[in-house]
N, C-alpha and C. Protein backbone atom coordinates (compact mmCIF):
# COMPACT_ATOMS: atom_id res chain seq x y z
N UNK A 1 3.73 -17.23 -21.74
CA UNK A 1 4.68 -17.24 -20.64
C UNK A 1 3.95 -16.77 -19.38
N UNK A 2 4.11 -17.50 -18.30
CA UNK A 2 3.44 -17.17 -17.03
C UNK A 2 4.39 -16.44 -16.09
N UNK A 3 3.81 -15.76 -15.11
CA UNK A 3 4.57 -15.04 -14.10
C UNK A 3 5.36 -16.04 -13.26
N UNK A 4 6.67 -15.84 -13.20
CA UNK A 4 7.55 -16.67 -12.36
C UNK A 4 8.79 -15.86 -12.03
N UNK A 5 9.63 -16.40 -11.17
CA UNK A 5 10.81 -15.68 -10.68
C UNK A 5 11.66 -15.16 -11.84
N UNK A 6 12.06 -13.90 -11.73
CA UNK A 6 12.94 -13.28 -12.70
C UNK A 6 12.24 -12.68 -13.91
N UNK A 7 10.94 -12.92 -14.06
CA UNK A 7 10.20 -12.38 -15.21
C UNK A 7 9.82 -10.92 -14.97
N UNK A 8 9.84 -10.14 -16.04
CA UNK A 8 9.39 -8.75 -16.02
C UNK A 8 7.88 -8.78 -16.24
N UNK A 9 7.13 -8.29 -15.27
CA UNK A 9 5.67 -8.39 -15.28
C UNK A 9 5.07 -6.99 -15.35
N UNK A 10 4.11 -6.81 -16.25
CA UNK A 10 3.35 -5.57 -16.35
C UNK A 10 1.91 -5.90 -16.01
N UNK A 11 1.31 -5.11 -15.10
CA UNK A 11 -0.05 -5.41 -14.65
C UNK A 11 -0.77 -4.14 -14.23
N UNK A 12 -2.09 -4.26 -14.13
CA UNK A 12 -2.91 -3.20 -13.56
C UNK A 12 -3.61 -3.77 -12.34
N UNK A 13 -3.97 -2.89 -11.42
CA UNK A 13 -4.57 -3.32 -10.16
C UNK A 13 -5.66 -2.36 -9.72
N UNK A 14 -6.53 -2.87 -8.87
CA UNK A 14 -7.49 -2.06 -8.14
C UNK A 14 -7.47 -2.56 -6.70
N UNK A 15 -7.28 -1.65 -5.75
CA UNK A 15 -7.27 -1.98 -4.33
C UNK A 15 -8.51 -1.36 -3.70
N UNK A 16 -9.28 -2.18 -2.99
CA UNK A 16 -10.48 -1.66 -2.33
C UNK A 16 -10.58 -2.23 -0.92
N UNK A 17 -11.38 -1.58 -0.10
CA UNK A 17 -11.67 -2.04 1.26
C UNK A 17 -13.17 -1.98 1.46
N UNK A 18 -13.64 -2.72 2.45
CA UNK A 18 -15.05 -2.66 2.81
C UNK A 18 -15.22 -1.70 3.96
N UNK A 19 -16.23 -0.86 3.87
CA UNK A 19 -16.55 0.10 4.93
C UNK A 19 -18.03 0.00 5.24
N UNK A 20 -18.35 0.22 6.50
CA UNK A 20 -19.75 0.21 6.91
C UNK A 20 -20.37 1.55 6.55
N UNK A 21 -21.51 1.50 5.87
CA UNK A 21 -22.23 2.72 5.50
C UNK A 21 -22.89 3.28 6.75
N UNK A 22 -22.69 4.58 7.00
CA UNK A 22 -23.23 5.22 8.20
C UNK A 22 -24.75 5.12 8.26
N UNK A 23 -25.42 5.38 7.15
CA UNK A 23 -26.87 5.41 7.14
C UNK A 23 -27.49 4.04 7.36
N UNK A 24 -26.99 3.04 6.62
CA UNK A 24 -27.63 1.72 6.63
C UNK A 24 -26.91 0.69 7.49
N UNK A 25 -25.64 0.90 7.78
CA UNK A 25 -24.87 -0.10 8.51
C UNK A 25 -24.40 -1.24 7.63
N UNK A 26 -24.74 -1.21 6.34
CA UNK A 26 -24.32 -2.26 5.41
C UNK A 26 -22.87 -2.03 4.98
N UNK A 27 -22.21 -3.14 4.62
CA UNK A 27 -20.84 -3.04 4.13
C UNK A 27 -20.85 -2.72 2.64
N UNK A 28 -19.94 -1.86 2.23
CA UNK A 28 -19.81 -1.50 0.83
C UNK A 28 -18.33 -1.39 0.49
N UNK A 29 -17.96 -1.80 -0.72
CA UNK A 29 -16.56 -1.71 -1.15
C UNK A 29 -16.26 -0.31 -1.66
N UNK A 30 -15.10 0.20 -1.25
CA UNK A 30 -14.63 1.50 -1.71
C UNK A 30 -13.26 1.32 -2.35
N UNK A 31 -13.10 1.84 -3.56
CA UNK A 31 -11.81 1.77 -4.25
C UNK A 31 -10.87 2.80 -3.64
N UNK A 32 -9.71 2.33 -3.19
CA UNK A 32 -8.70 3.21 -2.60
C UNK A 32 -7.64 3.62 -3.60
N UNK A 33 -7.32 2.71 -4.50
CA UNK A 33 -6.26 3.00 -5.47
C UNK A 33 -6.44 2.09 -6.68
N UNK A 34 -6.18 2.63 -7.84
CA UNK A 34 -6.20 1.84 -9.07
C UNK A 34 -5.29 2.49 -10.09
N UNK A 35 -4.72 1.67 -10.94
CA UNK A 35 -3.98 2.20 -12.08
C UNK A 35 -4.60 1.67 -13.37
N UNK A 36 -5.83 1.18 -13.28
CA UNK A 36 -6.51 0.59 -14.44
C UNK A 36 -6.66 1.59 -15.58
N UNK A 37 -6.77 2.86 -15.27
CA UNK A 37 -6.91 3.88 -16.31
C UNK A 37 -5.67 4.78 -16.38
N UNK A 38 -4.55 4.25 -15.87
CA UNK A 38 -3.30 5.01 -15.85
C UNK A 38 -2.17 4.15 -16.40
N UNK A 39 -0.95 4.52 -16.10
CA UNK A 39 0.21 3.74 -16.52
C UNK A 39 0.26 2.44 -15.73
N UNK A 40 0.40 1.30 -16.40
CA UNK A 40 0.49 0.02 -15.69
C UNK A 40 1.75 -0.06 -14.81
N UNK A 41 1.70 -0.94 -13.83
CA UNK A 41 2.86 -1.19 -12.96
C UNK A 41 3.74 -2.25 -13.62
N UNK A 42 5.04 -2.12 -13.40
CA UNK A 42 6.00 -3.09 -13.92
C UNK A 42 6.99 -3.42 -12.81
N UNK A 43 7.32 -4.70 -12.69
CA UNK A 43 8.29 -5.13 -11.67
C UNK A 43 8.93 -6.43 -12.12
N UNK A 44 10.01 -6.83 -11.46
CA UNK A 44 10.63 -8.12 -11.72
C UNK A 44 10.17 -9.07 -10.62
N UNK A 45 9.51 -10.15 -11.01
CA UNK A 45 8.90 -11.07 -10.06
C UNK A 45 9.97 -11.77 -9.21
N UNK A 46 9.69 -11.84 -7.91
CA UNK A 46 10.58 -12.54 -6.99
C UNK A 46 11.64 -11.67 -6.37
N UNK A 47 11.62 -10.36 -6.64
CA UNK A 47 12.64 -9.47 -6.09
C UNK A 47 12.09 -8.52 -5.04
N UNK A 48 10.93 -8.86 -4.47
CA UNK A 48 10.32 -8.08 -3.38
C UNK A 48 10.15 -6.61 -3.73
N UNK A 49 9.77 -6.33 -4.96
CA UNK A 49 9.57 -4.95 -5.40
C UNK A 49 8.14 -4.48 -5.18
N UNK A 50 7.23 -5.41 -4.91
CA UNK A 50 5.83 -5.06 -4.64
C UNK A 50 5.39 -5.78 -3.36
N UNK A 51 4.20 -5.46 -2.88
CA UNK A 51 3.66 -6.07 -1.67
C UNK A 51 3.69 -7.61 -1.80
N UNK A 52 4.15 -8.28 -0.75
CA UNK A 52 4.34 -9.73 -0.78
C UNK A 52 3.07 -10.48 -1.16
N UNK A 53 1.94 -10.10 -0.59
CA UNK A 53 0.68 -10.79 -0.90
C UNK A 53 0.27 -10.63 -2.35
N UNK A 54 0.55 -9.46 -2.91
CA UNK A 54 0.24 -9.21 -4.32
C UNK A 54 1.15 -10.05 -5.21
N UNK A 55 2.43 -10.10 -4.86
CA UNK A 55 3.38 -10.88 -5.65
C UNK A 55 3.01 -12.36 -5.63
N UNK A 56 2.61 -12.85 -4.46
CA UNK A 56 2.20 -14.25 -4.33
C UNK A 56 0.98 -14.54 -5.21
N UNK A 57 0.03 -13.62 -5.25
CA UNK A 57 -1.17 -13.80 -6.07
C UNK A 57 -0.86 -13.78 -7.56
N UNK A 58 0.13 -13.00 -7.97
CA UNK A 58 0.49 -12.91 -9.38
C UNK A 58 1.24 -14.15 -9.88
N UNK A 59 1.85 -14.90 -8.97
CA UNK A 59 2.63 -16.09 -9.33
C UNK A 59 1.79 -17.02 -10.21
N UNK A 60 2.33 -17.38 -11.38
CA UNK A 60 1.68 -18.33 -12.27
C UNK A 60 0.64 -17.73 -13.21
N UNK A 61 0.29 -16.46 -13.03
CA UNK A 61 -0.71 -15.84 -13.91
C UNK A 61 -0.15 -15.66 -15.32
N UNK A 62 -1.05 -15.67 -16.30
CA UNK A 62 -0.69 -15.50 -17.70
C UNK A 62 -1.17 -14.13 -18.20
N UNK A 63 -0.59 -13.62 -19.29
CA UNK A 63 -1.08 -12.36 -19.85
C UNK A 63 -2.58 -12.41 -20.12
N UNK A 64 -3.25 -11.31 -19.81
CA UNK A 64 -4.70 -11.12 -19.95
C UNK A 64 -5.51 -11.83 -18.87
N UNK A 65 -4.86 -12.58 -17.99
CA UNK A 65 -5.57 -13.24 -16.89
C UNK A 65 -5.93 -12.21 -15.82
N UNK A 66 -7.11 -12.37 -15.25
CA UNK A 66 -7.60 -11.49 -14.19
C UNK A 66 -7.82 -12.33 -12.94
N UNK A 67 -7.45 -11.79 -11.80
CA UNK A 67 -7.64 -12.50 -10.53
C UNK A 67 -8.13 -11.50 -9.49
N UNK A 68 -9.13 -11.92 -8.72
CA UNK A 68 -9.61 -11.12 -7.59
C UNK A 68 -9.39 -11.93 -6.32
N UNK A 69 -8.91 -11.28 -5.28
CA UNK A 69 -8.63 -11.98 -4.03
C UNK A 69 -8.59 -11.00 -2.88
N UNK A 70 -8.53 -11.54 -1.68
CA UNK A 70 -8.52 -10.75 -0.46
C UNK A 70 -7.22 -11.00 0.28
N UNK A 71 -6.63 -9.93 0.81
CA UNK A 71 -5.42 -10.03 1.62
C UNK A 71 -5.73 -9.66 3.06
N UNK A 72 -5.31 -10.49 3.99
CA UNK A 72 -5.41 -10.14 5.40
C UNK A 72 -4.40 -9.03 5.69
N UNK A 73 -4.52 -8.37 6.84
CA UNK A 73 -3.51 -7.35 7.17
C UNK A 73 -2.08 -7.89 7.12
N UNK A 74 -1.88 -9.11 7.59
CA UNK A 74 -0.53 -9.70 7.60
C UNK A 74 0.01 -9.89 6.18
N UNK A 75 -0.86 -10.21 5.23
CA UNK A 75 -0.45 -10.42 3.84
C UNK A 75 -0.33 -9.11 3.06
N UNK A 76 -1.02 -8.09 3.56
CA UNK A 76 -1.10 -6.83 2.83
C UNK A 76 -0.19 -5.76 3.39
N UNK A 77 -0.77 -4.83 4.12
CA UNK A 77 -0.03 -3.66 4.60
C UNK A 77 0.41 -3.78 6.06
N UNK A 78 0.26 -4.96 6.63
CA UNK A 78 0.72 -5.20 8.00
C UNK A 78 -0.35 -4.91 9.03
N UNK A 79 -0.10 -5.41 10.24
CA UNK A 79 -1.03 -5.16 11.33
C UNK A 79 -0.75 -3.77 11.90
N UNK A 80 -1.74 -3.22 12.56
CA UNK A 80 -1.60 -1.89 13.15
C UNK A 80 -0.83 -2.01 14.46
N UNK A 81 0.22 -1.22 14.62
CA UNK A 81 1.04 -1.24 15.83
C UNK A 81 0.83 0.05 16.62
N UNK A 82 0.28 -0.07 17.82
CA UNK A 82 0.08 1.10 18.67
C UNK A 82 1.39 1.82 18.97
N UNK A 83 2.49 1.04 19.07
CA UNK A 83 3.79 1.64 19.39
C UNK A 83 4.40 2.41 18.21
N UNK A 84 3.71 2.41 17.06
CA UNK A 84 4.17 3.19 15.91
C UNK A 84 3.54 4.58 15.91
N UNK A 85 2.81 4.90 16.96
CA UNK A 85 2.24 6.24 17.14
C UNK A 85 3.14 6.97 18.13
N UNK A 86 3.71 8.09 17.69
CA UNK A 86 4.69 8.82 18.49
C UNK A 86 4.25 10.27 18.69
N UNK A 87 4.57 10.79 19.86
CA UNK A 87 4.28 12.19 20.16
C UNK A 87 5.60 12.95 20.18
N UNK A 88 5.68 14.00 19.37
CA UNK A 88 6.91 14.79 19.25
C UNK A 88 6.64 16.25 19.57
N UNK A 89 7.68 16.92 20.00
CA UNK A 89 7.59 18.36 20.23
C UNK A 89 7.29 19.06 18.90
N UNK A 90 6.45 20.08 18.96
CA UNK A 90 6.09 20.82 17.75
C UNK A 90 7.30 21.39 17.02
N UNK A 91 8.36 21.74 17.77
CA UNK A 91 9.52 22.34 17.11
C UNK A 91 10.28 21.35 16.23
N UNK A 92 9.93 20.06 16.28
CA UNK A 92 10.56 19.05 15.43
C UNK A 92 9.78 18.82 14.13
N UNK A 93 8.63 19.47 14.01
CA UNK A 93 7.76 19.28 12.84
C UNK A 93 7.61 20.62 12.12
N UNK A 94 7.83 20.65 10.81
CA UNK A 94 7.68 21.92 10.07
C UNK A 94 6.29 22.53 10.29
N UNK A 95 6.24 23.83 10.43
CA UNK A 95 4.97 24.54 10.70
C UNK A 95 3.88 24.18 9.70
N UNK A 96 4.25 24.09 8.41
CA UNK A 96 3.25 23.80 7.38
C UNK A 96 2.66 22.39 7.51
N UNK A 97 3.31 21.52 8.28
CA UNK A 97 2.82 20.15 8.47
C UNK A 97 2.11 19.98 9.81
N UNK A 98 1.92 21.05 10.54
CA UNK A 98 1.30 20.95 11.86
C UNK A 98 -0.22 21.04 11.76
N UNK A 99 -0.78 20.11 10.98
CA UNK A 99 -2.23 20.02 10.86
C UNK A 99 -2.62 18.56 10.66
N UNK A 100 -3.75 18.18 11.23
CA UNK A 100 -4.22 16.80 11.13
C UNK A 100 -4.38 16.44 9.66
N UNK A 101 -3.84 15.26 9.31
CA UNK A 101 -3.92 14.78 7.93
C UNK A 101 -2.66 15.02 7.13
N UNK A 102 -1.79 15.91 7.60
CA UNK A 102 -0.55 16.18 6.87
C UNK A 102 0.33 14.93 6.89
N UNK A 103 1.03 14.70 5.79
CA UNK A 103 1.94 13.57 5.72
C UNK A 103 3.36 14.09 5.58
N UNK A 104 4.24 13.56 6.40
CA UNK A 104 5.65 13.95 6.39
C UNK A 104 6.46 12.90 5.66
N UNK A 105 7.69 13.23 5.34
CA UNK A 105 8.60 12.28 4.72
C UNK A 105 9.91 12.31 5.49
N UNK A 106 10.42 11.11 5.82
CA UNK A 106 11.67 11.00 6.56
C UNK A 106 12.28 9.65 6.23
N UNK A 107 13.35 9.29 6.92
CA UNK A 107 13.94 7.96 6.79
C UNK A 107 14.07 7.34 8.17
N UNK A 108 13.94 6.01 8.23
CA UNK A 108 14.08 5.33 9.52
C UNK A 108 15.55 5.04 9.80
N UNK A 109 15.82 4.31 10.88
CA UNK A 109 17.20 4.05 11.30
C UNK A 109 17.98 3.20 10.30
N UNK A 110 17.26 2.48 9.40
CA UNK A 110 17.92 1.69 8.37
C UNK A 110 18.01 2.44 7.04
N UNK A 111 17.59 3.70 7.03
CA UNK A 111 17.66 4.50 5.82
C UNK A 111 16.48 4.32 4.87
N UNK A 112 15.46 3.58 5.30
CA UNK A 112 14.27 3.38 4.46
C UNK A 112 13.32 4.57 4.61
N UNK A 113 12.64 4.94 3.52
CA UNK A 113 11.70 6.07 3.63
C UNK A 113 10.50 5.72 4.51
N UNK A 114 10.07 6.67 5.31
CA UNK A 114 8.85 6.54 6.13
C UNK A 114 8.00 7.79 5.90
N UNK A 115 6.70 7.61 6.01
CA UNK A 115 5.77 8.70 5.72
C UNK A 115 4.73 8.82 6.83
N UNK A 116 5.15 9.32 8.00
CA UNK A 116 4.19 9.43 9.11
C UNK A 116 3.11 10.46 8.81
N UNK A 117 1.91 10.20 9.36
CA UNK A 117 0.78 11.11 9.21
C UNK A 117 0.50 11.79 10.53
N UNK A 118 0.16 13.07 10.48
CA UNK A 118 -0.23 13.81 11.68
C UNK A 118 -1.66 13.40 12.01
N UNK A 119 -1.86 12.86 13.23
CA UNK A 119 -3.21 12.44 13.61
C UNK A 119 -3.80 13.30 14.73
N UNK A 120 -2.94 14.10 15.38
CA UNK A 120 -3.44 14.99 16.42
C UNK A 120 -2.45 16.13 16.63
N UNK A 121 -2.97 17.32 16.86
CA UNK A 121 -2.14 18.49 17.16
C UNK A 121 -2.54 18.97 18.54
N UNK A 122 -1.56 19.01 19.45
CA UNK A 122 -1.80 19.48 20.81
C UNK A 122 -1.11 20.83 21.00
N UNK A 123 -1.22 21.40 22.18
CA UNK A 123 -0.63 22.72 22.44
C UNK A 123 0.88 22.74 22.18
N UNK A 124 1.60 21.74 22.69
CA UNK A 124 3.06 21.72 22.60
C UNK A 124 3.61 20.58 21.76
N UNK A 125 2.76 19.63 21.38
CA UNK A 125 3.24 18.44 20.68
C UNK A 125 2.37 18.10 19.46
N UNK A 126 2.92 17.22 18.65
CA UNK A 126 2.24 16.67 17.46
C UNK A 126 2.25 15.16 17.61
N UNK A 127 1.13 14.50 17.33
CA UNK A 127 1.06 13.04 17.38
C UNK A 127 1.14 12.52 15.95
N UNK A 128 2.15 11.67 15.70
CA UNK A 128 2.39 11.11 14.37
C UNK A 128 2.11 9.61 14.38
N UNK A 129 1.50 9.13 13.31
CA UNK A 129 1.25 7.70 13.12
C UNK A 129 2.17 7.21 12.02
N UNK A 130 3.10 6.31 12.38
CA UNK A 130 4.06 5.76 11.43
C UNK A 130 3.56 4.49 10.76
N UNK A 131 2.38 4.01 11.13
CA UNK A 131 1.79 2.85 10.46
C UNK A 131 1.42 3.22 9.03
N UNK A 132 1.41 2.23 8.14
CA UNK A 132 0.89 2.46 6.79
C UNK A 132 -0.58 2.82 6.94
N UNK A 133 -1.11 3.72 6.12
CA UNK A 133 -2.53 4.09 6.24
C UNK A 133 -3.49 2.91 6.15
N UNK A 134 -3.08 1.82 5.52
CA UNK A 134 -3.94 0.64 5.41
C UNK A 134 -3.55 -0.47 6.38
N UNK A 135 -2.65 -0.18 7.32
CA UNK A 135 -2.27 -1.18 8.32
C UNK A 135 -3.52 -1.61 9.09
N UNK A 136 -3.64 -2.91 9.30
CA UNK A 136 -4.78 -3.44 10.03
C UNK A 136 -6.01 -3.68 9.17
N UNK A 137 -5.96 -3.28 7.91
CA UNK A 137 -7.11 -3.43 7.01
C UNK A 137 -7.02 -4.72 6.20
N UNK A 138 -8.15 -5.35 5.99
CA UNK A 138 -8.27 -6.41 5.01
C UNK A 138 -8.56 -5.72 3.69
N UNK A 139 -7.74 -6.00 2.68
CA UNK A 139 -7.90 -5.32 1.40
C UNK A 139 -8.29 -6.32 0.31
N UNK A 140 -9.03 -5.82 -0.65
CA UNK A 140 -9.46 -6.62 -1.80
C UNK A 140 -8.70 -6.11 -3.01
N UNK A 141 -8.16 -7.05 -3.77
CA UNK A 141 -7.38 -6.69 -4.95
C UNK A 141 -7.95 -7.33 -6.20
N UNK A 142 -7.89 -6.59 -7.27
CA UNK A 142 -8.21 -7.12 -8.60
C UNK A 142 -6.98 -6.86 -9.44
N UNK A 143 -6.41 -7.93 -9.98
CA UNK A 143 -5.19 -7.83 -10.78
C UNK A 143 -5.45 -8.32 -12.19
N UNK A 144 -4.83 -7.65 -13.15
CA UNK A 144 -4.85 -8.13 -14.53
C UNK A 144 -3.43 -8.03 -15.06
N UNK A 145 -2.89 -9.16 -15.48
CA UNK A 145 -1.55 -9.20 -16.05
C UNK A 145 -1.65 -8.77 -17.51
N UNK A 146 -0.84 -7.81 -17.89
CA UNK A 146 -0.82 -7.32 -19.28
C UNK A 146 0.30 -7.95 -20.08
N UNK A 147 1.42 -8.24 -19.41
CA UNK A 147 2.54 -8.82 -20.13
C UNK A 147 3.53 -9.50 -19.20
N UNK A 148 4.18 -10.54 -19.71
CA UNK A 148 5.23 -11.25 -18.98
C UNK A 148 6.38 -11.45 -19.96
N UNK A 149 7.57 -10.98 -19.58
CA UNK A 149 8.73 -11.05 -20.46
C UNK A 149 9.94 -11.54 -19.67
N UNK A 150 10.96 -11.95 -20.40
CA UNK A 150 12.21 -12.31 -19.73
C UNK A 150 12.68 -11.09 -18.94
N UNK A 151 13.26 -11.33 -17.78
CA UNK A 151 13.57 -10.25 -16.84
C UNK A 151 14.86 -9.52 -17.06
N UNK A 152 15.34 -9.42 -18.30
CA UNK A 152 16.59 -8.70 -18.54
C UNK A 152 16.36 -7.21 -18.79
N UNK A 153 15.10 -6.76 -18.62
CA UNK A 153 14.75 -5.34 -18.75
C UNK A 153 14.83 -4.70 -17.37
N UNK A 154 14.89 -3.40 -17.32
CA UNK A 154 14.85 -2.68 -16.04
C UNK A 154 13.41 -2.50 -15.61
N UNK A 155 13.11 -2.81 -14.33
CA UNK A 155 11.75 -2.60 -13.82
C UNK A 155 11.62 -1.20 -13.28
């Protein structure tokens, strides 16, 4: 049985990006996330439960099939939006989160979770980046389908 709409799909993934090496200037792949040695991911295909580009790549795959591909920012985590960087008064940010690199949790105007990152701390304000950390990045994915079943199970 192949991956198609309504099927319950179990898979493992590895997400990597290319970065320029400081010393040599050469490009090298760095793994950002993987569940290959952890619990596999499960979702119902066609219900927008995973990244659109990943779901598109999984379409038609069979159990034990492996696929490697590249996603543009538009297909992956989106393009980087300068207007998603906001400066807020420090009194609106918990003291323990007032450090560069801290990640906050909130909801947007539609009630969806957002996780802005602190990118700068000033005397009176905090600069938050609401973009996904991989926004604007071309990402490389390696997928392996472990199982495809009728979608009457809970994902």
